[in-house]
Amino acid sequence: MSMTINATARDDQGKGASRRLRREEKVPAIVYGAGKEPSAISLNIHEITHLLENDDAYTSVLDLSIDKKVEPVIVKDLQRHPAKNCVTHVDLLRINMKQAIVTSIPLNFTGSDDNEALRLGAILNQFITSVEVSCLPADMPNGIDVDISNLAMGEHISLTGLDMPKGVTLTALTHGDIEAHDQSVVAVQEPKLMAEEVEEEIVETEGEGGETAEGGDGEGDAEQGGDSDSES
């Protein structure tokens, strides 16, 4: 599905210009790459917000239209307001459709409802949620599925066990020593092991608390609580 970003070229830059744009319900942005000079542009806040509500927009080639001239780009970075969570700036990267790009792709874990070990109380540990890949822009996937339906207790899936789409390469496995970079992606772990780890942490915490109690009559704890409240 083709997604288009409509933009307008702008000459004014700086914090003052950006504030003026935002008052006009526009978002300052920049587009760069492909051997061309960076260009300052502005986007409609409502249009770009709606576009970014689609997760596929972050892993798709987008059609950037500036004054009716269209070029392929990807979202390279964006900034959001810390309180309002609205988009405040967007970086777009021009791409050459004939040259491979390196980007991060999310992992989609599927089959948990059909996993027998998980139904019996096992714990699913997801060590990573995305991977860096290299591919032609046309081959870039929106996500990589990881089927865990048949993963038994104590088993795991590593990078070499991922079912990669055609034309897509994991950059971690292109460094020569595959075994050294073949990290675990997901594993099914026995809940007893998790419980033992938690219990050990609780015992250690209680031990530390007991030493504090023996050292005083509780006034030290009250003072620490007061300091914490004053800082907040």
Protein backbone atom coordinates (compact mmCIF):
# COMPACT_ATOMS: atom_id res chain seq x y z
CA MET A 1 0.00 0.00 0.00
CA SER A 2 1.45 3.34 -1.07
CA MET A 3 1.61 6.06 1.59
CA THR A 4 2.14 9.70 0.67
CA ILE A 5 3.48 12.61 2.72
CA ASN A 6 2.53 16.02 1.36
CA ALA A 7 5.08 18.67 2.24
CA THR A 8 5.87 22.32 1.56
CA ALA A 9 9.36 23.73 1.10
CA ARG A 10 10.38 26.38 3.65
CA ASP A 11 13.22 28.88 3.86
CA ASP A 12 12.87 30.10 7.44
CA GLN A 13 14.61 27.98 10.06
CA GLY A 14 15.43 28.18 13.74
CA LYS A 15 13.42 27.91 16.96
CA GLY A 16 11.33 30.98 16.24
CA ALA A 17 10.33 29.72 12.81
CA SER A 18 9.50 26.29 14.23
CA ARG A 19 7.24 27.83 16.87
CA ARG A 20 5.42 29.83 14.20
CA LEU A 21 4.90 26.67 12.13
CA ARG A 22 3.46 24.79 15.09
CA ARG A 23 1.04 27.63 15.81
CA GLU A 24 -0.13 27.18 12.21
CA GLU A 25 -0.65 23.44 12.88
CA LYS A 26 2.41 22.49 10.85
CA VAL A 27 5.42 20.35 11.76
CA PRO A 28 8.98 21.35 10.81
CA ALA A 29 10.87 18.58 9.05
CA ILE A 30 14.01 17.93 7.05
CA VAL A 31 14.73 15.57 4.17
CA TYR A 32 18.28 14.50 3.32
CA GLY A 33 20.36 11.75 1.70
CA ALA A 34 20.84 10.25 -1.76
CA GLY A 35 23.70 12.65 -2.47
CA LYS A 36 21.46 15.72 -2.38
CA GLU A 37 21.55 18.77 -0.15
CA PRO A 38 19.24 18.65 2.91
CA SER A 39 15.94 20.47 2.41
CA ALA A 40 13.83 22.11 5.09
CA ILE A 41 10.13 21.32 4.71
CA SER A 42 6.91 21.56 6.70
CA LEU A 43 4.18 18.96 7.14
CA ASN A 44 0.53 19.22 8.09
CA ILE A 45 0.24 18.16 11.76
CA HIS A 46 -3.05 16.32 11.26
CA GLU A 47 -1.88 14.46 8.15
CA ILE A 48 1.45 13.30 9.59
CA THR A 49 -0.16 12.32 12.91
CA HIS A 50 -2.73 10.20 11.10
CA LEU A 51 -0.02 8.62 8.94
CA LEU A 52 2.14 7.68 11.94
CA GLU A 53 -0.80 6.00 13.67
CA ASN A 54 -0.15 3.20 11.17
CA ASP A 55 2.83 1.19 12.46
CA ASP A 56 3.71 0.22 8.89
CA ALA A 57 4.66 3.83 8.18
CA TYR A 58 7.86 3.37 10.18
CA THR A 59 9.01 0.44 8.03
CA SER A 60 7.71 1.41 4.59
CA VAL A 61 8.95 3.42 1.65
CA LEU A 62 6.88 6.61 1.61
CA ASP A 63 6.17 8.93 -1.31
CA LEU A 64 7.24 12.44 -0.30
CA SER A 65 5.47 15.04 -2.43
CA ILE A 66 7.02 18.54 -2.42
CA ASP A 67 5.38 20.97 -4.81
CA LYS A 68 4.10 18.02 -6.87
CA LYS A 69 7.59 16.49 -7.14
CA VAL A 70 7.61 12.98 -5.62
CA GLU A 71 10.61 11.09 -4.23
CA PRO A 72 10.92 7.93 -2.10
CA VAL A 73 11.83 8.37 1.57
CA ILE A 74 11.71 6.55 4.89
CA VAL A 75 11.12 7.94 8.37
CA LYS A 76 14.59 8.12 9.92
CA ASP A 77 13.79 9.88 13.17
CA LEU A 78 11.09 11.92 14.84
CA GLN A 79 10.65 13.96 17.98
CA ARG A 80 7.55 14.22 20.15
CA HIS A 81 6.46 16.68 22.82
CA PRO A 82 7.32 15.12 26.21
CA ALA A 83 3.92 15.93 27.72
CA LYS A 84 1.50 16.11 24.81
CA ASN A 85 3.12 13.27 22.80
CA CYS A 86 2.46 15.14 19.57
CA VAL A 87 5.01 15.13 16.74
CA THR A 88 7.29 18.19 16.85
CA HIS A 89 9.93 17.34 14.21
CA VAL A 90 10.50 14.69 11.54
CA ASP A 91 13.67 13.53 9.78
CA LEU A 92 13.12 11.89 6.40
CA LEU A 93 15.83 10.01 4.48
CA ARG A 94 15.85 9.96 0.70
CA ILE A 95 16.56 6.52 -0.69
CA ASN A 96 17.72 4.99 -3.94
CA MET A 97 15.38 2.14 -4.82
CA LYS A 98 18.30 0.31 -6.45
CA GLN A 99 20.58 0.43 -3.40
CA ALA A 100 20.29 -1.62 -0.22
CA ILE A 101 19.43 0.17 3.00
CA VAL A 102 20.06 -0.78 6.63
CA THR A 103 17.15 -0.34 9.01
CA SER A 104 15.52 -1.79 12.13
CA ILE A 105 12.52 -4.11 11.71
CA PRO A 106 10.21 -5.21 14.58
CA LEU A 107 9.69 -8.86 15.48
CA ASN A 108 6.12 -10.20 15.64
CA PHE A 109 5.86 -13.14 18.05
CA THR A 110 3.02 -15.45 17.01
CA GLY A 111 1.57 -18.75 18.23
CA SER A 112 1.59 -18.10 21.98
CA ASP A 113 -2.03 -19.26 22.30
CA ASP A 114 -1.11 -22.60 20.72
CA ASN A 115 2.03 -23.20 22.79
CA GLU A 116 1.50 -26.14 25.16
CA ALA A 117 4.29 -25.16 27.56
CA LEU A 118 2.91 -21.64 27.97
CA ARG A 119 -0.57 -23.03 28.64
CA LEU A 120 0.95 -25.09 31.46
CA GLY A 121 2.51 -22.03 33.08
CA ALA A 122 5.89 -21.64 31.39
CA ILE A 123 7.40 -18.19 31.00
CA LEU A 124 8.14 -16.63 27.60
CA ASN A 125 11.30 -14.51 27.58
CA GLN A 126 11.65 -12.11 24.63
CA PHE A 127 15.29 -11.02 24.60
CA ILE A 128 14.98 -8.67 21.62
CA THR A 129 11.97 -7.08 19.91
CA SER A 130 13.59 -5.83 16.70
CA VAL A 131 16.51 -6.68 14.42
CA GLU A 132 18.71 -4.69 12.08
CA VAL A 133 18.46 -5.83 8.47
CA SER A 134 19.88 -4.97 5.07
CA CYS A 135 17.74 -5.12 1.94
CA LEU A 136 16.57 -3.28 -1.12
CA PRO A 137 13.82 -0.76 -0.30
CA ALA A 138 11.28 -2.76 -2.28
CA ASP A 139 12.03 -5.86 -0.16
CA MET A 140 11.77 -4.12 3.22
CA PRO A 141 9.26 -6.00 5.43
CA ASN A 142 6.96 -4.27 7.89
CA GLY A 143 7.81 -6.96 10.44
CA ILE A 144 9.37 -10.41 10.83
CA ASP A 145 7.16 -13.18 12.23
CA VAL A 146 8.60 -15.47 14.91
CA ASP A 147 6.45 -18.59 15.37
CA ILE A 148 6.70 -19.85 18.97
CA SER A 149 3.76 -22.29 18.81
CA ASN A 150 6.03 -25.37 18.88
CA LEU A 151 8.69 -24.03 21.25
CA ALA A 152 9.03 -26.54 24.11
CA MET A 153 10.17 -25.96 27.69
CA GLY A 154 13.85 -24.99 27.76
CA GLU A 155 14.03 -24.36 24.00
CA HIS A 156 14.90 -21.09 22.35
CA ILE A 157 15.08 -19.45 18.94
CA SER A 158 18.23 -17.60 17.94
CA LEU A 159 18.93 -15.23 15.06
CA THR A 160 19.89 -18.10 12.76
CA GLY A 161 16.53 -19.70 13.51
CA LEU A 162 14.50 -16.77 12.18
CA ASP A 163 12.57 -17.27 8.94
CA MET A 164 13.80 -14.26 6.98
CA PRO A 165 11.90 -12.88 3.98
CA LYS A 166 13.53 -13.25 0.58
CA GLY A 167 16.17 -10.62 -0.09
CA VAL A 168 16.43 -9.57 3.59
CA THR A 169 19.69 -10.16 5.51
CA LEU A 170 20.38 -9.88 9.24
CA THR A 171 23.36 -7.53 9.57
CA ALA A 172 24.44 -9.25 12.80
CA LEU A 173 25.18 -12.41 10.83
CA THR A 174 27.32 -10.75 8.18
CA HIS A 175 30.43 -10.26 10.33
CA GLY A 176 32.09 -13.60 9.57
CA ASP A 177 31.90 -15.29 12.97
CA ILE A 178 28.22 -16.22 12.94
CA GLU A 179 28.33 -18.18 16.20
CA ALA A 180 29.68 -15.18 18.09
CA HIS A 181 26.81 -12.98 16.92
CA ASP A 182 24.01 -15.55 16.94
CA GLN A 183 22.17 -14.24 20.00
CA SER A 184 18.96 -15.68 21.47
CA VAL A 185 15.75 -14.03 20.37
CA VAL A 186 13.13 -15.78 22.52
CA ALA A 187 13.00 -18.72 24.95
CA VAL A 188 10.47 -20.70 26.97
CA GLN A 189 11.63 -20.92 30.59
CA GLU A 190 10.44 -23.03 33.51
CA PRO A 191 8.48 -20.84 35.97
CA LYS A 192 10.22 -22.52 38.95
CA LEU A 193 13.50 -20.94 37.87
CA MET A 194 11.87 -17.53 37.70
CA ALA A 195 10.31 -18.02 41.16
CA GLU A 196 13.67 -19.00 42.66
CA GLU A 197 15.29 -15.87 41.26
CA VAL A 198 12.53 -13.68 42.72
CA GLU A 199 12.74 -15.46 46.09
CA GLU A 200 16.50 -14.88 46.27
CA GLU A 201 15.98 -11.19 45.58
CA ILE A 202 13.36 -10.98 48.36
CA VAL A 203 15.64 -12.72 50.88
CA GLU A 204 18.51 -10.39 50.04
CA THR A 205 16.25 -7.34 50.40
CA GLU A 206 14.89 -8.53 53.77
CA GLY A 207 18.45 -9.12 54.98
CA GLU A 208 19.43 -5.58 54.12
CA GLY A 209 16.32 -4.24 55.87
CA GLY A 210 17.12 -6.25 59.03
CA GLU A 211 20.59 -4.73 59.27
CA THR A 212 19.11 -1.25 59.02
CA ALA A 213 16.59 -1.98 61.77
CA GLU A 214 19.28 -3.28 64.13
CA GLY A 215 21.34 -0.20 63.59
CA GLY A 216 18.68 2.21 64.88
CA ASP A 217 15.14 2.76 66.10
CA GLY A 218 13.59 3.56 62.72
CA GLU A 219 14.34 7.30 62.78
CA GLY A 220 16.82 6.88 59.94
CA ASP A 221 14.11 5.43 57.70
CA ALA A 222 11.78 8.30 58.51
CA GLU A 223 14.48 10.83 57.64
CA GLN A 224 15.11 9.13 54.31
CA GLY A 225 11.42 9.23 53.50
CA GLY A 226 11.33 12.93 54.28
CA ASP A 227 14.25 13.63 51.97
CA SER A 228 12.54 11.73 49.16
CA ASP A 229 9.33 13.75 49.52
CA SER A 230 11.21 17.02 49.52
CA GLU A 231 13.02 16.12 46.28
CA SER A 232 9.80 15.23 44.51
